Amino acid sequence: ATDVLNGNLSIDPRSSERLDIVLSMNAGTLEGVVLNKS
């Protein structure tokens, strides 16, 4: 029941939980151009 996306996963000898990882295919894309001072 613990959210560990942005924090630590704490393991002790009594730990019996499972890791549930969800990936999303709805990621963003960033396009741009780099220009010099001219």
PDB file of all heavy atoms in Angstrom:
ATOM      1  N   ALA A   1       0.809  -1.218   0.000  1.00  0.00           N
ATOM      2  CA  ALA A   1       0.000   0.000   0.000  1.00  0.00           C
ATOM      3  C   ALA A   1       0.839   1.263   0.000  1.00  0.00           C
ATOM      4  O   ALA A   1       0.290   2.369  -0.003  1.00  0.00           O
ATOM      5  CB  ALA A   1      -0.917   0.000   1.222  1.00  0.00           C
ATOM      6  N   THR A   2       2.158   1.148  -0.030  1.00  0.00           N
ATOM      7  CA  THR A   2       3.047   2.300   0.082  1.00  0.00           C
ATOM      8  C   THR A   2       3.470   2.797  -1.289  1.00  0.00           C
ATOM      9  O   THR A   2       3.948   2.024  -2.124  1.00  0.00           O
ATOM     10  CB  THR A   2       4.299   1.944   0.899  1.00  0.00           C
ATOM     11  OG1 THR A   2       3.905   1.422   2.175  1.00  0.00           O
ATOM     12  CG2 THR A   2       5.174   3.171   1.102  1.00  0.00           C
ATOM     13  N   ASP A   3       3.308   4.101  -1.519  1.00  0.00           N
ATOM     14  CA  ASP A   3       3.747   4.735  -2.758  1.00  0.00           C
ATOM     15  C   ASP A   3       5.242   5.008  -2.659  1.00  0.00           C
ATOM     16  O   ASP A   3       5.688   5.783  -1.803  1.00  0.00           O
ATOM     17  CB  ASP A   3       2.977   6.037  -2.964  1.00  0.00           C
ATOM     18  CG  ASP A   3       3.286   6.718  -4.296  1.00  0.00           C
ATOM     19  OD1 ASP A   3       4.252   6.301  -4.974  1.00  0.00           O
ATOM     20  OD2 ASP A   3       2.568   7.669  -4.646  1.00  0.00           O
ATOM     21  N   VAL A   4       6.043   4.380  -3.527  1.00  0.00           N
ATOM     22  CA  VAL A   4       7.499   4.557  -3.482  1.00  0.00           C
ATOM     23  C   VAL A   4       8.022   5.156  -4.784  1.00  0.00           C
ATOM     24  O   VAL A   4       9.214   5.085  -5.066  1.00  0.00           O
ATOM     25  CB  VAL A   4       8.222   3.224  -3.164  1.00  0.00           C
ATOM     26  CG1 VAL A   4       7.865   2.736  -1.785  1.00  0.00           C
ATOM     27  CG2 VAL A   4       7.905   2.153  -4.211  1.00  0.00           C
ATOM     28  N   LEU A   5       7.150   5.797  -5.566  1.00  0.00           N
ATOM     29  CA  LEU A   5       7.584   6.384  -6.828  1.00  0.00           C
ATOM     30  C   LEU A   5       8.635   7.469  -6.601  1.00  0.00           C
ATOM     31  O   LEU A   5       9.650   7.529  -7.294  1.00  0.00           O
ATOM     32  CB  LEU A   5       6.387   6.965  -7.576  1.00  0.00           C
ATOM     33  CG  LEU A   5       6.686   7.669  -8.903  1.00  0.00           C
ATOM     34  CD1 LEU A   5       7.275   6.698  -9.918  1.00  0.00           C
ATOM     35  CD2 LEU A   5       5.425   8.329  -9.455  1.00  0.00           C
ATOM     36  N   ASN A   6       8.396   8.332  -5.612  1.00  0.00           N
ATOM     37  CA  ASN A   6       9.304   9.448  -5.344  1.00  0.00           C
ATOM     38  C   ASN A   6      10.048   9.316  -4.023  1.00  0.00           C
ATOM     39  O   ASN A   6      10.726  10.254  -3.598  1.00  0.00           O
ATOM     40  CB  ASN A   6       8.522  10.769  -5.343  1.00  0.00           C
ATOM     41  CG  ASN A   6       7.921  11.084  -6.691  1.00  0.00           C
ATOM     42  OD1 ASN A   6       8.620  11.111  -7.697  1.00  0.00           O
ATOM     43  ND2 ASN A   6       6.614  11.297  -6.724  1.00  0.00           N
ATOM     44  N   GLY A   7       9.913   8.175  -3.368  1.00  0.00           N
ATOM     45  CA  GLY A   7      10.557   7.982  -2.080  1.00  0.00           C
ATOM     46  C   GLY A   7      11.306   6.670  -2.013  1.00  0.00           C
ATOM     47  O   GLY A   7      11.491   5.978  -3.021  1.00  0.00           O
ATOM     48  N   ASN A   8      11.731   6.319  -0.810  1.00  0.00           N
ATOM     49  CA  ASN A   8      12.516   5.109  -0.602  1.00  0.00           C
ATOM     50  C   ASN A   8      11.633   3.891  -0.383  1.00  0.00           C
ATOM     51  O   ASN A   8      10.536   3.986   0.188  1.00  0.00           O
ATOM     52  CB  ASN A   8      13.437   5.271   0.606  1.00  0.00           C
ATOM     53  CG  ASN A   8      14.600   6.199   0.325  1.00  0.00           C
ATOM     54  OD1 ASN A   8      14.950   6.435  -0.830  1.00  0.00           O
ATOM     55  ND2 ASN A   8      15.204   6.734   1.372  1.00  0.00           N
ATOM     56  N   LEU A   9      12.129   2.757  -0.804  1.00  0.00           N
ATOM     57  CA  LEU A   9      11.537   1.462  -0.498  1.00  0.00           C
ATOM     58  C   LEU A   9      12.267   0.916   0.723  1.00  0.00           C
ATOM     59  O   LEU A   9      13.474   0.674   0.678  1.00  0.00           O
ATOM     60  CB  LEU A   9      11.702   0.513  -1.687  1.00  0.00           C
ATOM     61  CG  LEU A   9      11.428  -0.961  -1.458  1.00  0.00           C
ATOM     62  CD1 LEU A   9       9.971  -1.182  -1.103  1.00  0.00           C
ATOM     63  CD2 LEU A   9      11.809  -1.772  -2.691  1.00  0.00           C
ATOM     64  N   SER A  10      11.566   0.765   1.838  1.00  0.00           N
ATOM     65  CA  SER A  10      12.165   0.290   3.085  1.00  0.00           C
ATOM     66  C   SER A  10      11.902  -1.196   3.249  1.00  0.00           C
ATOM     67  O   SER A  10      10.738  -1.632   3.266  1.00  0.00           O
ATOM     68  CB  SER A  10      11.616   1.066   4.287  1.00  0.00           C
ATOM     69  OG  SER A  10      11.991   2.429   4.217  1.00  0.00           O
ATOM     70  N   ILE A  11      12.991  -1.971   3.362  1.00  0.00           N
ATOM     71  CA  ILE A  11      12.902  -3.420   3.513  1.00  0.00           C
ATOM     72  C   ILE A  11      13.368  -3.797   4.915  1.00  0.00           C
ATOM     73  O   ILE A  11      14.427  -3.347   5.375  1.00  0.00           O
ATOM     74  CB  ILE A  11      13.778  -4.140   2.470  1.00  0.00           C
ATOM     75  CG1 ILE A  11      13.325  -3.796   1.048  1.00  0.00           C
ATOM     76  CG2 ILE A  11      13.761  -5.649   2.691  1.00  0.00           C
ATOM     77  CD1 ILE A  11      11.941  -4.293   0.710  1.00  0.00           C
ATOM     78  N   ASP A  12      12.562  -4.606   5.615  1.00  0.00           N
ATOM     79  CA  ASP A  12      12.986  -5.172   6.893  1.00  0.00           C
ATOM     80  C   ASP A  12      12.665  -6.660   6.875  1.00  0.00           C
ATOM     81  O   ASP A  12      12.033  -7.158   5.935  1.00  0.00           O
ATOM     82  CB  ASP A  12      12.334  -4.446   8.074  1.00  0.00           C
ATOM     83  CG  ASP A  12      10.819  -4.602   8.120  1.00  0.00           C
ATOM     84  OD1 ASP A  12      10.311  -5.718   7.877  1.00  0.00           O
ATOM     85  OD2 ASP A  12      10.124  -3.614   8.407  1.00  0.00           O
ATOM     86  N   PRO A  13      13.109  -7.428   7.862  1.00  0.00           N
ATOM     87  CA  PRO A  13      12.910  -8.881   7.823  1.00  0.00           C
ATOM     88  C   PRO A  13      11.451  -9.330   7.751  1.00  0.00           C
ATOM     89  O   PRO A  13      11.171 -10.473   7.388  1.00  0.00           O
ATOM     90  CB  PRO A  13      13.561  -9.352   9.125  1.00  0.00           C
ATOM     91  CG  PRO A  13      14.575  -8.304   9.447  1.00  0.00           C
ATOM     92  CD  PRO A  13      13.963  -7.015   8.998  1.00  0.00           C
ATOM     93  N   ARG A  14      10.530  -8.439   8.061  1.00  0.00           N
ATOM     94  CA  ARG A  14       9.103  -8.806   8.031  1.00  0.00           C
ATOM     95  C   ARG A  14       8.434  -8.462   6.715  1.00  0.00           C
ATOM     96  O   ARG A  14       7.254  -8.754   6.525  1.00  0.00           O
ATOM     97  CB  ARG A  14       8.374  -8.087   9.173  1.00  0.00           C
ATOM     98  CG  ARG A  14       8.880  -8.436  10.566  1.00  0.00           C
ATOM     99  CD  ARG A  14       8.382  -7.449  11.581  1.00  0.00           C
ATOM    100  NE  ARG A  14       8.906  -6.102  11.291  1.00  0.00           N
ATOM    101  CZ  ARG A  14       8.584  -5.011  11.987  1.00  0.00           C
ATOM    102  NH1 ARG A  14       7.735  -5.104  12.985  1.00  0.00           N
ATOM    103  NH2 ARG A  14       9.103  -3.844  11.662  1.00  0.00           N
ATOM    104  N   SER A  15       9.139  -7.841   5.794  1.00  0.00           N
ATOM    105  CA  SER A  15       8.530  -7.396   4.532  1.00  0.00           C
ATOM    106  C   SER A  15       8.035  -8.580   3.715  1.00  0.00           C
ATOM    107  O   SER A  15       8.765  -9.549   3.499  1.00  0.00           O
ATOM    108  CB  SER A  15       9.548  -6.593   3.710  1.00  0.00           C
ATOM    109  OG  SER A  15       9.942  -5.425   4.393  1.00  0.00           O
ATOM    110  N   SER A  16       6.804  -8.491   3.259  1.00  0.00           N
ATOM    111  CA  SER A  16       6.229  -9.563   2.440  1.00  0.00           C
ATOM    112  C   SER A  16       5.424  -9.018   1.267  1.00  0.00           C
ATOM    113  O   SER A  16       4.812  -9.780   0.524  1.00  0.00           O
ATOM    114  CB  SER A  16       5.321 -10.458   3.299  1.00  0.00           C
ATOM    115  OG  SER A  16       4.262  -9.699   3.870  1.00  0.00           O
ATOM    116  N   GLU A  17       5.443  -7.694   1.079  1.00  0.00           N
ATOM    117  CA  GLU A  17       4.652  -7.078   0.022  1.00  0.00           C
ATOM    118  C   GLU A  17       5.298  -7.296  -1.344  1.00  0.00           C
ATOM    119  O   GLU A  17       6.443  -7.704  -1.451  1.00  0.00           O
ATOM    120  CB  GLU A  17       4.490  -5.571   0.285  1.00  0.00           C
ATOM    121  CG  GLU A  17       3.622  -5.228   1.470  1.00  0.00           C
ATOM    122  CD  GLU A  17       4.403  -5.230   2.770  1.00  0.00           C
ATOM    123  OE1 GLU A  17       5.604  -5.597   2.735  1.00  0.00           O
ATOM    124  OE2 GLU A  17       3.826  -4.873   3.806  1.00  0.00           O
ATOM    125  N   ARG A  18       4.546  -6.974  -2.383  1.00  0.00           N
ATOM    126  CA  ARG A  18       5.016  -7.067  -3.764  1.00  0.00           C
ATOM    127  C   ARG A  18       5.189  -5.669  -4.331  1.00  0.00           C
ATOM    128  O   ARG A  18       4.522  -4.719  -3.927  1.00  0.00           O
ATOM    129  CB  ARG A  18       4.007  -7.835  -4.625  1.00  0.00           C
ATOM    130  CG  ARG A  18       3.893  -9.303  -4.297  1.00  0.00           C
ATOM    131  CD  ARG A  18       2.708  -9.921  -5.019  1.00  0.00           C
ATOM    132  NE  ARG A  18       2.715  -9.635  -6.447  1.00  0.00           N
ATOM    133  CZ  ARG A  18       3.296 -10.418  -7.362  1.00  0.00           C
ATOM    134  NH1 ARG A  18       3.897 -11.534  -6.992  1.00  0.00           N
ATOM    135  NH2 ARG A  18       3.252 -10.112  -8.642  1.00  0.00           N
ATOM    136  N   LEU A  19       6.080  -5.575  -5.306  1.00  0.00           N
ATOM    137  CA  LEU A  19       6.268  -4.329  -6.047  1.00  0.00           C
ATOM    138  C   LEU A  19       5.332  -4.319  -7.256  1.00  0.00           C
ATOM    139  O   LEU A  19       5.371  -5.239  -8.074  1.00  0.00           O
ATOM    140  CB  LEU A  19       7.711  -4.202  -6.527  1.00  0.00           C
ATOM    141  CG  LEU A  19       8.716  -3.455  -5.656  1.00  0.00           C
ATOM    142  CD1 LEU A  19      10.107  -3.562  -6.271  1.00  0.00           C
ATOM    143  CD2 LEU A  19       8.314  -2.003  -5.475  1.00  0.00           C
ATOM    144  N   ASP A  20       4.514  -3.305  -7.358  1.00  0.00           N
ATOM    145  CA  ASP A  20       3.627  -3.137  -8.506  1.00  0.00           C
ATOM    146  C   ASP A  20       4.032  -1.877  -9.247  1.00  0.00           C
ATOM    147  O   ASP A  20       3.907  -0.760  -8.714  1.00  0.00           O
ATOM    148  CB  ASP A  20       2.168  -3.048  -8.068  1.00  0.00           C
ATOM    149  CG  ASP A  20       1.652  -4.377  -7.532  1.00  0.00           C
ATOM    150  OD1 ASP A  20       1.793  -5.389  -8.244  1.00  0.00           O
ATOM    151  OD2 ASP A  20       1.142  -4.407  -6.399  1.00  0.00           O
ATOM    152  N   ILE A  21       4.529  -2.060 -10.462  1.00  0.00           N
ATOM    153  CA  ILE A  21       5.029  -0.950 -11.277  1.00  0.00           C
ATOM    154  C   ILE A  21       4.102  -0.759 -12.471  1.00  0.00           C
ATOM    155  O   ILE A  21       3.789  -1.729 -13.176  1.00  0.00           O
ATOM    156  CB  ILE A  21       6.459  -1.233 -11.754  1.00  0.00           C
ATOM    157  CG1 ILE A  21       7.400  -1.406 -10.556  1.00  0.00           C
ATOM    158  CG2 ILE A  21       6.959  -0.123 -12.671  1.00  0.00           C
ATOM    159  CD1 ILE A  21       8.786  -1.892 -10.933  1.00  0.00           C
ATOM    160  N   VAL A  22       3.665   0.471 -12.687  1.00  0.00           N
ATOM    161  CA  VAL A  22       2.789   0.780 -13.815  1.00  0.00           C
ATOM    162  C   VAL A  22       3.514   1.745 -14.747  1.00  0.00           C
ATOM    163  O   VAL A  22       3.981   2.808 -14.317  1.00  0.00           O
ATOM    164  CB  VAL A  22       1.458   1.405 -13.347  1.00  0.00           C
ATOM    165  CG1 VAL A  22       0.592   1.766 -14.564  1.00  0.00           C
ATOM    166  CG2 VAL A  22       0.713   0.447 -12.434  1.00  0.00           C
ATOM    167  N   LEU A  23       3.639   1.342 -16.008  1.00  0.00           N
ATOM    168  CA  LEU A  23       4.170   2.208 -17.054  1.00  0.00           C
ATOM    169  C   LEU A  23       3.013   2.720 -17.901  1.00  0.00           C
ATOM    170  O   LEU A  23       2.061   1.989 -18.167  1.00  0.00           O
ATOM    171  CB  LEU A  23       5.158   1.455 -17.949  1.00  0.00           C
ATOM    172  CG  LEU A  23       6.323   0.730 -17.280  1.00  0.00           C
ATOM    173  CD1 LEU A  23       7.201   0.068 -18.334  1.00  0.00           C
ATOM    174  CD2 LEU A  23       7.145   1.675 -16.424  1.00  0.00           C
ATOM    175  N   SER A  24       3.102   3.958 -18.310  1.00  0.00           N
ATOM    176  CA  SER A  24       2.107   4.531 -19.212  1.00  0.00           C
ATOM    177  C   SER A  24       2.748   4.810 -20.565  1.00  0.00           C
ATOM    178  O   SER A  24       3.885   5.294 -20.636  1.00  0.00           O
ATOM    179  CB  SER A  24       1.535   5.832 -18.641  1.00  0.00           C
ATOM    180  OG  SER A  24       0.710   6.479 -19.601  1.00  0.00           O
ATOM    181  N   MET A  25       2.015   4.500 -21.636  1.00  0.00           N
ATOM    182  CA  MET A  25       2.507   4.770 -22.986  1.00  0.00           C
ATOM    183  C   MET A  25       2.115   6.165 -23.469  1.00  0.00           C
ATOM    184  O   MET A  25       2.320   6.511 -24.622  1.00  0.00           O
ATOM    185  CB  MET A  25       1.963   3.716 -23.961  1.00  0.00           C
ATOM    186  CG  MET A  25       2.408   2.300 -23.665  1.00  0.00           C
ATOM    187  SD  MET A  25       4.192   2.085 -23.684  1.00  0.00           S
ATOM    188  CE  MET A  25       4.570   2.491 -25.395  1.00  0.00           C
ATOM    189  N   ASN A  26       1.569   6.974 -22.554  1.00  0.00           N
ATOM    190  CA  ASN A  26       1.086   8.306 -22.928  1.00  0.00           C
ATOM    191  C   ASN A  26       2.120   9.380 -22.564  1.00  0.00           C
ATOM    192  O   ASN A  26       1.772  10.453 -22.077  1.00  0.00           O
ATOM    193  CB  ASN A  26      -0.240   8.591 -22.225  1.00  0.00           C
ATOM    194  CG  ASN A  26      -0.964   9.784 -22.825  1.00  0.00           C
ATOM    195  OD1 ASN A  26      -0.798  10.087 -23.995  1.00  0.00           O
ATOM    196  ND2 ASN A  26      -1.753  10.463 -22.013  1.00  0.00           N
ATOM    197  N   ALA A  27       3.390   9.074 -22.782  1.00  0.00           N
ATOM    198  CA  ALA A  27       4.442  10.038 -22.469  1.00  0.00           C
ATOM    199  C   ALA A  27       4.433  11.209 -23.439  1.00  0.00           C
ATOM    200  O   ALA A  27       3.956  11.104 -24.564  1.00  0.00           O
ATOM    201  CB  ALA A  27       5.810   9.350 -22.495  1.00  0.00           C
ATOM    202  N   GLY A  28       5.000  12.320 -22.984  1.00  0.00           N
ATOM    203  CA  GLY A  28       5.070  13.506 -23.817  1.00  0.00           C
ATOM    204  C   GLY A  28       6.325  13.546 -24.667  1.00  0.00           C
ATOM    205  O   GLY A  28       7.301  12.834 -24.417  1.00  0.00           O
ATOM    206  N   THR A  29       6.297  14.387 -25.698  1.00  0.00           N
ATOM    207  CA  THR A  29       7.444  14.627 -26.572  1.00  0.00           C
ATOM    208  C   THR A  29       7.693  16.127 -26.641  1.00  0.00           C
ATOM    209  O   THR A  29       6.746  16.916 -26.738  1.00  0.00           O
ATOM    210  CB  THR A  29       7.182  14.081 -27.989  1.00  0.00           C
ATOM    211  OG1 THR A  29       7.003  12.665 -27.916  1.00  0.00           O
ATOM    212  CG2 THR A  29       8.349  14.383 -28.916  1.00  0.00           C
ATOM    213  N   LEU A  30       8.960  16.521 -26.547  1.00  0.00           N
ATOM    214  CA  LEU A  30       9.337  17.924 -26.617  1.00  0.00           C
ATOM    215  C   LEU A  30      10.255  18.137 -27.817  1.00  0.00           C
ATOM    216  O   LEU A  30      11.280  17.465 -27.940  1.00  0.00           O
ATOM    217  CB  LEU A  30      10.053  18.355 -25.334  1.00  0.00           C
ATOM    218  CG  LEU A  30      10.601  19.780 -25.295  1.00  0.00           C
ATOM    219  CD1 LEU A  30       9.462  20.793 -25.339  1.00  0.00           C
ATOM    220  CD2 LEU A  30      11.450  19.993 -24.049  1.00  0.00           C
ATOM    221  N   GLU A  31       9.861  19.052 -28.705  1.00  0.00           N
ATOM    222  CA  GLU A  31      10.676  19.389 -29.862  1.00  0.00           C
ATOM    223  C   GLU A  31      11.082  20.850 -29.774  1.00  0.00           C
ATOM    224  O   GLU A  31      10.329  21.691 -29.268  1.00  0.00           O
ATOM    225  CB  GLU A  31       9.915  19.135 -31.163  1.00  0.00           C
ATOM    226  CG  GLU A  31       9.544  17.675 -31.379  1.00  0.00           C
ATOM    227  CD  GLU A  31       8.778  17.448 -32.660  1.00  0.00           C
ATOM    228  OE1 GLU A  31       8.308  18.456 -33.246  1.00  0.00           O
ATOM    229  OE2 GLU A  31       8.628  16.295 -33.081  1.00  0.00           O
ATOM    230  N   GLY A  32      12.277  21.164 -30.258  1.00  0.00           N
ATOM    231  CA  GLY A  32      12.725  22.548 -30.195  1.00  0.00           C
ATOM    232  C   GLY A  32      13.918  22.793 -31.086  1.00  0.00           C
ATOM    233  O   GLY A  32      14.367  21.909 -31.826  1.00  0.00           O
ATOM    234  N   VAL A  33      14.443  23.996 -31.013  1.00  0.00           N
ATOM    235  CA  VAL A  33      15.603  24.390 -31.795  1.00  0.00           C
ATOM    236  C   VAL A  33      16.537  25.185 -30.900  1.00  0.00           C
ATOM    237  O   VAL A  33      16.090  25.950 -30.036  1.00  0.00           O
ATOM    238  CB  VAL A  33      15.185  25.209 -33.041  1.00  0.00           C
ATOM    239  CG1 VAL A  33      14.459  26.493 -32.630  1.00  0.00           C
ATOM    240  CG2 VAL A  33      16.397  25.538 -33.908  1.00  0.00           C
ATOM    241  N   VAL A  34      17.834  24.991 -31.064  1.00  0.00           N
ATOM    242  CA  VAL A  34      18.853  25.726 -30.317  1.00  0.00           C
ATOM    243  C   VAL A  34      19.469  26.767 -31.256  1.00  0.00           C
ATOM    244  O   VAL A  34      19.963  26.419 -32.337  1.00  0.00           O
ATOM    245  CB  VAL A  34      19.934  24.775 -29.769  1.00  0.00           C
ATOM    246  CG1 VAL A  34      21.037  25.566 -29.060  1.00  0.00           C
ATOM    247  CG2 VAL A  34      19.318  23.763 -28.812  1.00  0.00           C
ATOM    248  N   LEU A  35      19.455  28.038 -30.803  1.00  0.00           N
ATOM    249  CA  LEU A  35      19.998  29.136 -31.581  1.00  0.00           C
ATOM    250  C   LEU A  35      21.116  29.815 -30.795  1.00  0.00           C
ATOM    251  O   LEU A  35      21.071  29.861 -29.562  1.00  0.00           O
ATOM    252  CB  LEU A  35      18.918  30.171 -31.901  1.00  0.00           C
ATOM    253  CG  LEU A  35      17.644  29.661 -32.580  1.00  0.00           C
ATOM    254  CD1 LEU A  35      16.636  30.799 -32.714  1.00  0.00           C
ATOM    255  CD2 LEU A  35      17.964  29.062 -33.947  1.00  0.00           C
ATOM    256  N   ASN A  36      22.094  30.360 -31.488  1.00  0.00           N
ATOM    257  CA  ASN A  36      23.131  31.134 -30.818  1.00  0.00           C
ATOM    258  C   ASN A  36      22.668  32.583 -30.670  1.00  0.00           C
ATOM    259  O   ASN A  36      21.537  32.937 -31.035  1.00  0.00           O
ATOM    260  CB  ASN A  36      24.466  31.030 -31.559  1.00  0.00           C
ATOM    261  CG  ASN A  36      24.403  31.572 -32.977  1.00  0.00           C
ATOM    262  OD1 ASN A  36      23.503  32.348 -33.319  1.00  0.00           O
ATOM    263  ND2 ASN A  36      25.351  31.161 -33.817  1.00  0.00           N
ATOM    264  N   LYS A  37      23.537  33.441 -30.144  1.00  0.00           N
ATOM    265  CA  LYS A  37      23.135  34.827 -29.876  1.00  0.00           C
ATOM    266  C   LYS A  37      22.828  35.602 -31.155  1.00  0.00           C
ATOM    267  O   LYS A  37      22.178  36.654 -31.090  1.00  0.00           O
ATOM    268  CB  LYS A  37      24.221  35.530 -29.074  1.00  0.00           C
ATOM    269  CG  LYS A  37      25.556  35.639 -29.783  1.00  0.00           C
ATOM    270  CD  LYS A  37      26.589  36.304 -28.871  1.00  0.00           C
ATOM    271  CE  LYS A  37      27.949  36.424 -29.563  1.00  0.00           C
ATOM    272  NZ  LYS A  37      28.960  37.055 -28.667  1.00  0.00           N
ATOM    273  N   SER A  38      23.269  35.062 -32.290  1.00  0.00           N
ATOM    274  CA  SER A  38      22.953  35.691 -33.582  1.00  0.00           C
ATOM    275  C   SER A  38      21.698  35.097 -34.202  1.00  0.00           C
ATOM    276  O   SER A  38      21.404  35.368 -35.377  1.00  0.00           O
ATOM    277  CB  SER A  38      24.140  35.541 -34.543  1.00  0.00           C
ATOM    278  OG  SER A  38      25.300  36.155 -34.023  1.00  0.00           O
TER     279      SER A  38
END
